[in-house]
Amino acid sequence: MPVDWSRYPKNWKRIVAGIRRRARGRCEWCGARHGLPHPVTGSKVVLTTAHLGEPFALDADKHDKRDIRAENLAALCQKCHLNHDRDEHRENTRRNREARRLAAEPMLPAFRTSETRAPAVSEARKAAIEKDMDEFYERFWWLDRGWWDAHKQEYL
C-alpha cells in the first residue's frame, strides 16, 4: 500500500533521522541491528519509524502521523513493527476479505442440494463416463479410486 505523505509533517525525513540516531542503528524493542540479518527471522533488518499511540490526551491515536513527540515514535525492525500493528493488520485483512466476498457473491453459482440436482444424464452418457473413469484409474493405478466411487452419483 503506498504511503500518503500528505498525512506526515513536512520535516518527516529529519524526524526519522533523529529517531534512528536516538536508537543508534538498532531496533528499540529487540535490539536487531539495521542492515544485518535479524537474529530471529534471518532477514535483512530495515529500521522503520513506528507511531506507538502513546497517550498524550484522552483521544490519542497512533494513526495521527503529525503526533511527532519523541515518546510516541520508535525505531523498530520489521518484525517488531508488524507485531505492534498486528491487530490493525488483522482487522484490515478481515475487512478486505469480507468486501471481496460480498463483491463475488452475486457471481457464485447456486450450491447443489438434493432439491437442485444436476439434470438427468442418459444411460449412454453414464456408461461413457464410467468407461472414461475406468481407463483413467487403469492409467493412474496408484491413485485411490475410492473418491470416484464415493462421489460418482453427484456426476451421473
C-alpha atoms as a PDB file:
ATOM      1  CA  MET A   1       0.000   0.000   0.000  1.00  0.00           C
ATOM      2  CA  PRO A   2       1.520   3.368  -0.985  1.00  0.00           C
ATOM      3  CA  VAL A   3       2.335   5.906   1.714  1.00  0.00           C
ATOM      4  CA  ASP A   4       0.159   9.006   1.848  1.00  0.00           C
ATOM      5  CA  TRP A   5       2.884  11.560   2.569  1.00  0.00           C
ATOM      6  CA  SER A   6       0.321  14.346   2.942  1.00  0.00           C
ATOM      7  CA  ARG A   7      -0.570  12.895   6.362  1.00  0.00           C
ATOM      8  CA  TYR A   8       3.007  13.407   7.624  1.00  0.00           C
ATOM      9  CA  PRO A   9       4.717  16.650   8.676  1.00  0.00           C
ATOM     10  CA  LYS A  10       6.896  18.367   6.063  1.00  0.00           C
ATOM     11  CA  ASN A  11      10.086  17.648   8.049  1.00  0.00           C
ATOM     12  CA  TRP A  12       9.327  13.919   8.453  1.00  0.00           C
ATOM     13  CA  LYS A  13      12.666  12.746   6.997  1.00  0.00           C
ATOM     14  CA  ARG A  14      14.569  14.853   9.533  1.00  0.00           C
ATOM     15  CA  ILE A  15      12.392  13.482  12.347  1.00  0.00           C
ATOM     16  CA  VAL A  16      13.052   9.889  11.211  1.00  0.00           C
ATOM     17  CA  ALA A  17      16.806  10.575  11.120  1.00  0.00           C
ATOM     18  CA  GLY A  18      16.637  11.858  14.706  1.00  0.00           C
ATOM     19  CA  ILE A  19      14.715   8.772  15.886  1.00  0.00           C
ATOM     20  CA  ARG A  20      17.261   6.465  14.206  1.00  0.00           C
ATOM     21  CA  ARG A  21      20.129   8.430  15.755  1.00  0.00           C
ATOM     22  CA  ARG A  22      18.488   8.007  19.158  1.00  0.00           C
ATOM     23  CA  ALA A  23      18.225   4.249  18.528  1.00  0.00           C
ATOM     24  CA  ARG A  24      21.892   4.032  17.463  1.00  0.00           C
ATOM     25  CA  GLY A  25      21.041   1.868  14.446  1.00  0.00           C
ATOM     26  CA  ARG A  26      19.169  -0.766  16.459  1.00  0.00           C
ATOM     27  CA  CYS A  27      15.548  -1.748  16.936  1.00  0.00           C
ATOM     28  CA  GLU A  28      14.452  -0.067  20.152  1.00  0.00           C
ATOM     29  CA  TRP A  29      12.461  -3.131  21.217  1.00  0.00           C
ATOM     30  CA  CYS A  30      14.515  -6.196  20.273  1.00  0.00           C
ATOM     31  CA  GLY A  31      17.956  -4.700  19.553  1.00  0.00           C
ATOM     32  CA  ALA A  32      18.281  -6.035  15.978  1.00  0.00           C
ATOM     33  CA  ARG A  33      20.914  -4.042  14.037  1.00  0.00           C
ATOM     34  CA  HIS A  34      19.940  -2.103  10.908  1.00  0.00           C
ATOM     35  CA  GLY A  35      21.299  -3.695   7.704  1.00  0.00           C
ATOM     36  CA  LEU A  36      22.304  -7.010   9.319  1.00  0.00           C
ATOM     37  CA  PRO A  37      20.381 -10.313   9.435  1.00  0.00           C
ATOM     38  CA  HIS A  38      17.667 -10.340  12.082  1.00  0.00           C
ATOM     39  CA  PRO A  39      18.607 -12.659  14.975  1.00  0.00           C
ATOM     40  CA  VAL A  40      15.196 -14.382  14.852  1.00  0.00           C
ATOM     41  CA  THR A  41      13.969 -14.193  11.239  1.00  0.00           C
ATOM     42  CA  GLY A  42      17.321 -14.057   9.430  1.00  0.00           C
ATOM     43  CA  SER A  43      16.021 -11.396   7.006  1.00  0.00           C
ATOM     44  CA  LYS A  44      17.882  -8.135   6.494  1.00  0.00           C
ATOM     45  CA  VAL A  45      16.803  -5.615   9.135  1.00  0.00           C
ATOM     46  CA  VAL A  46      15.394  -2.316   7.889  1.00  0.00           C
ATOM     47  CA  LEU A  47      14.515   0.076  10.664  1.00  0.00           C
ATOM     48  CA  THR A  48      11.163   1.812  10.341  1.00  0.00           C
ATOM     49  CA  THR A  49       9.669   4.572  12.444  1.00  0.00           C
ATOM     50  CA  ALA A  50       6.532   3.458  14.259  1.00  0.00           C
ATOM     51  CA  HIS A  51       3.835   5.634  15.786  1.00  0.00           C
ATOM     52  CA  LEU A  52       3.203   3.996  19.137  1.00  0.00           C
ATOM     53  CA  GLY A  53      -0.010   5.820  20.043  1.00  0.00           C
ATOM     54  CA  GLU A  54       1.332   6.804  23.472  1.00  0.00           C
ATOM     55  CA  PRO A  55      -1.376   8.694  25.341  1.00  0.00           C
ATOM     56  CA  PHE A  56      -0.971  12.429  25.102  1.00  0.00           C
ATOM     57  CA  ALA A  57      -4.615  13.184  25.597  1.00  0.00           C
ATOM     58  CA  LEU A  58      -7.729  11.072  26.015  1.00  0.00           C
ATOM     59  CA  ASP A  59      -8.139  10.856  22.267  1.00  0.00           C
ATOM     60  CA  ALA A  60      -4.534   9.829  21.372  1.00  0.00           C
ATOM     61  CA  ASP A  61      -4.366   7.923  18.115  1.00  0.00           C
ATOM     62  CA  LYS A  62      -1.394   6.053  16.666  1.00  0.00           C
ATOM     63  CA  HIS A  63      -2.747   6.881  13.220  1.00  0.00           C
ATOM     64  CA  ASP A  64      -2.146  10.600  13.813  1.00  0.00           C
ATOM     65  CA  LYS A  65       1.045  10.930  11.765  1.00  0.00           C
ATOM     66  CA  ARG A  66       1.508  14.533  12.879  1.00  0.00           C
ATOM     67  CA  ASP A  67       1.991  13.485  16.523  1.00  0.00           C
ATOM     68  CA  ILE A  68       5.778  13.541  16.476  1.00  0.00           C
ATOM     69  CA  ARG A  69       6.535  13.544  20.189  1.00  0.00           C
ATOM     70  CA  ALA A  70       9.695  11.535  20.937  1.00  0.00           C
ATOM     71  CA  GLU A  71       7.817   9.214  23.307  1.00  0.00           C
ATOM     72  CA  ASN A  72       5.288   8.463  20.549  1.00  0.00           C
ATOM     73  CA  LEU A  73       7.896   7.386  17.976  1.00  0.00           C
ATOM     74  CA  ALA A  74      10.257   4.409  17.954  1.00  0.00           C
ATOM     75  CA  ALA A  75      12.765   2.932  15.530  1.00  0.00           C
ATOM     76  CA  LEU A  76      11.600  -0.671  15.059  1.00  0.00           C
ATOM     77  CA  CYS A  77      12.645  -3.575  12.878  1.00  0.00           C
ATOM     78  CA  GLN A  78      10.024  -5.016  10.517  1.00  0.00           C
ATOM     79  CA  LYS A  79       9.201  -7.866  12.933  1.00  0.00           C
ATOM     80  CA  CYS A  80       8.539  -5.575  15.906  1.00  0.00           C
ATOM     81  CA  HIS A  81       6.665  -3.010  13.799  1.00  0.00           C
ATOM     82  CA  LEU A  82       4.392  -5.691  12.303  1.00  0.00           C
ATOM     83  CA  ASN A  83       3.764  -7.176  15.760  1.00  0.00           C
ATOM     84  CA  HIS A  84       2.911  -3.709  17.085  1.00  0.00           C
ATOM     85  CA  ASP A  85       0.358  -3.210  14.294  1.00  0.00           C
ATOM     86  CA  ARG A  86      -0.868  -6.841  14.247  1.00  0.00           C
ATOM     87  CA  ASP A  87      -4.430  -6.155  15.423  1.00  0.00           C
ATOM     88  CA  GLU A  88      -4.819  -3.381  12.859  1.00  0.00           C
ATOM     89  CA  HIS A  89      -3.466  -5.644  10.079  1.00  0.00           C
ATOM     90  CA  ARG A  90      -5.855  -8.441  11.098  1.00  0.00           C
ATOM     91  CA  GLU A  91      -8.834  -6.092  11.041  1.00  0.00           C
ATOM     92  CA  ASN A  92      -7.834  -4.699   7.631  1.00  0.00           C
ATOM     93  CA  THR A  93      -7.439  -8.243   6.279  1.00  0.00           C
ATOM     94  CA  ARG A  94     -10.825  -9.263   7.674  1.00  0.00           C
ATOM     95  CA  ARG A  95     -12.492  -6.183   6.177  1.00  0.00           C
ATOM     96  CA  ASN A  96     -10.847  -6.713   2.766  1.00  0.00           C
ATOM     97  CA  ARG A  97     -11.823 -10.405   2.664  1.00  0.00           C
ATOM     98  CA  GLU A  98     -15.384  -9.548   3.581  1.00  0.00           C
ATOM     99  CA  ALA A  99     -15.536  -6.878   0.870  1.00  0.00           C
ATOM    100  CA  ARG A 100     -14.166  -9.328  -1.731  1.00  0.00           C
ATOM    101  CA  ARG A 101     -16.634 -11.992  -0.598  1.00  0.00           C
ATOM    102  CA  LEU A 102     -19.578  -9.600  -0.875  1.00  0.00           C
ATOM    103  CA  ALA A 103     -18.410  -8.423  -4.295  1.00  0.00           C
ATOM    104  CA  ALA A 104     -18.105 -12.015  -5.570  1.00  0.00           C
ATOM    105  CA  GLU A 105     -21.329 -13.336  -4.007  1.00  0.00           C
ATOM    106  CA  PRO A 106     -23.662 -12.441  -6.918  1.00  0.00           C
ATOM    107  CA  MET A 107     -21.344 -14.324  -9.282  1.00  0.00           C
ATOM    108  CA  LEU A 108     -21.274 -17.578  -7.295  1.00  0.00           C
ATOM    109  CA  PRO A 109     -23.359 -20.432  -8.695  1.00  0.00           C
ATOM    110  CA  ALA A 110     -26.114 -21.879  -6.557  1.00  0.00           C
ATOM    111  CA  PHE A 111     -24.945 -24.791  -4.435  1.00  0.00           C
ATOM    112  CA  ARG A 112     -26.270 -28.183  -5.368  1.00  0.00           C
ATOM    113  CA  THR A 113     -28.587 -29.741  -2.892  1.00  0.00           C
ATOM    114  CA  SER A 114     -30.855 -32.728  -3.194  1.00  0.00           C
ATOM    115  CA  GLU A 115     -33.576 -30.337  -4.446  1.00  0.00           C
ATOM    116  CA  THR A 116     -31.340 -28.804  -7.131  1.00  0.00           C
ATOM    117  CA  ARG A 117     -29.701 -31.864  -8.657  1.00  0.00           C
ATOM    118  CA  ALA A 118     -27.891 -31.772 -11.948  1.00  0.00           C
ATOM    119  CA  PRO A 119     -30.009 -32.591 -14.992  1.00  0.00           C
ATOM    120  CA  ALA A 120     -30.550 -36.268 -15.672  1.00  0.00           C
ATOM    121  CA  VAL A 121     -27.808 -37.993 -17.657  1.00  0.00           C
ATOM    122  CA  SER A 122     -28.663 -40.558 -20.300  1.00  0.00           C
ATOM    123  CA  GLU A 123     -27.659 -44.170 -19.738  1.00  0.00           C
ATOM    124  CA  ALA A 124     -25.293 -43.985 -22.704  1.00  0.00           C
ATOM    125  CA  ARG A 125     -23.561 -40.939 -21.193  1.00  0.00           C
ATOM    126  CA  LYS A 126     -23.305 -42.688 -17.788  1.00  0.00           C
ATOM    127  CA  ALA A 127     -21.660 -45.675 -19.445  1.00  0.00           C
ATOM    128  CA  ALA A 128     -19.223 -43.405 -21.285  1.00  0.00           C
ATOM    129  CA  ILE A 129     -18.272 -41.620 -18.059  1.00  0.00           C
ATOM    130  CA  GLU A 130     -17.769 -44.934 -16.237  1.00  0.00           C
ATOM    131  CA  LYS A 131     -15.599 -46.201 -19.129  1.00  0.00           C
ATOM    132  CA  ASP A 132     -13.517 -42.990 -19.058  1.00  0.00           C
ATOM    133  CA  MET A 133     -13.018 -43.302 -15.307  1.00  0.00           C
ATOM    134  CA  ASP A 134     -12.050 -46.975 -15.620  1.00  0.00           C
ATOM    135  CA  GLU A 135      -9.435 -46.028 -18.229  1.00  0.00           C
ATOM    136  CA  PHE A 136      -8.226 -43.162 -16.028  1.00  0.00           C
ATOM    137  CA  TYR A 137      -7.731 -45.431 -12.999  1.00  0.00           C
ATOM    138  CA  GLU A 138      -6.028 -48.090 -15.162  1.00  0.00           C
ATOM    139  CA  ARG A 139      -3.571 -45.483 -16.390  1.00  0.00           C
ATOM    140  CA  PHE A 140      -3.059 -43.897 -12.967  1.00  0.00           C
ATOM    141  CA  TRP A 141      -3.246 -47.109 -10.980  1.00  0.00           C
ATOM    142  CA  TRP A 142      -1.575 -45.598  -7.882  1.00  0.00           C
ATOM    143  CA  LEU A 143      -4.472 -43.192  -7.284  1.00  0.00           C
ATOM    144  CA  ASP A 144      -7.229 -44.153  -4.885  1.00  0.00           C
ATOM    145  CA  ARG A 145     -10.419 -44.982  -6.728  1.00  0.00           C
ATOM    146  CA  GLY A 146     -12.410 -44.542  -3.534  1.00  0.00           C
ATOM    147  CA  TRP A 147     -13.087 -40.847  -4.166  1.00  0.00           C
ATOM    148  CA  TRP A 148     -14.742 -41.553  -7.519  1.00  0.00           C
ATOM    149  CA  ASP A 149     -16.775 -44.406  -6.066  1.00  0.00           C
ATOM    150  CA  ALA A 150     -17.977 -42.164  -3.234  1.00  0.00           C
ATOM    151  CA  HIS A 151     -18.830 -39.148  -5.439  1.00  0.00           C
ATOM    152  CA  LYS A 152     -19.883 -40.510  -8.823  1.00  0.00           C
ATOM    153  CA  GLN A 153     -23.600 -40.201  -8.022  1.00  0.00           C
ATOM    154  CA  GLU A 154     -23.126 -36.410  -7.997  1.00  0.00           C
ATOM    155  CA  TYR A 155     -21.881 -36.552 -11.593  1.00  0.00           C
ATOM    156  CA  LEU A 156     -24.103 -39.261 -13.072  1.00  0.00           C
END
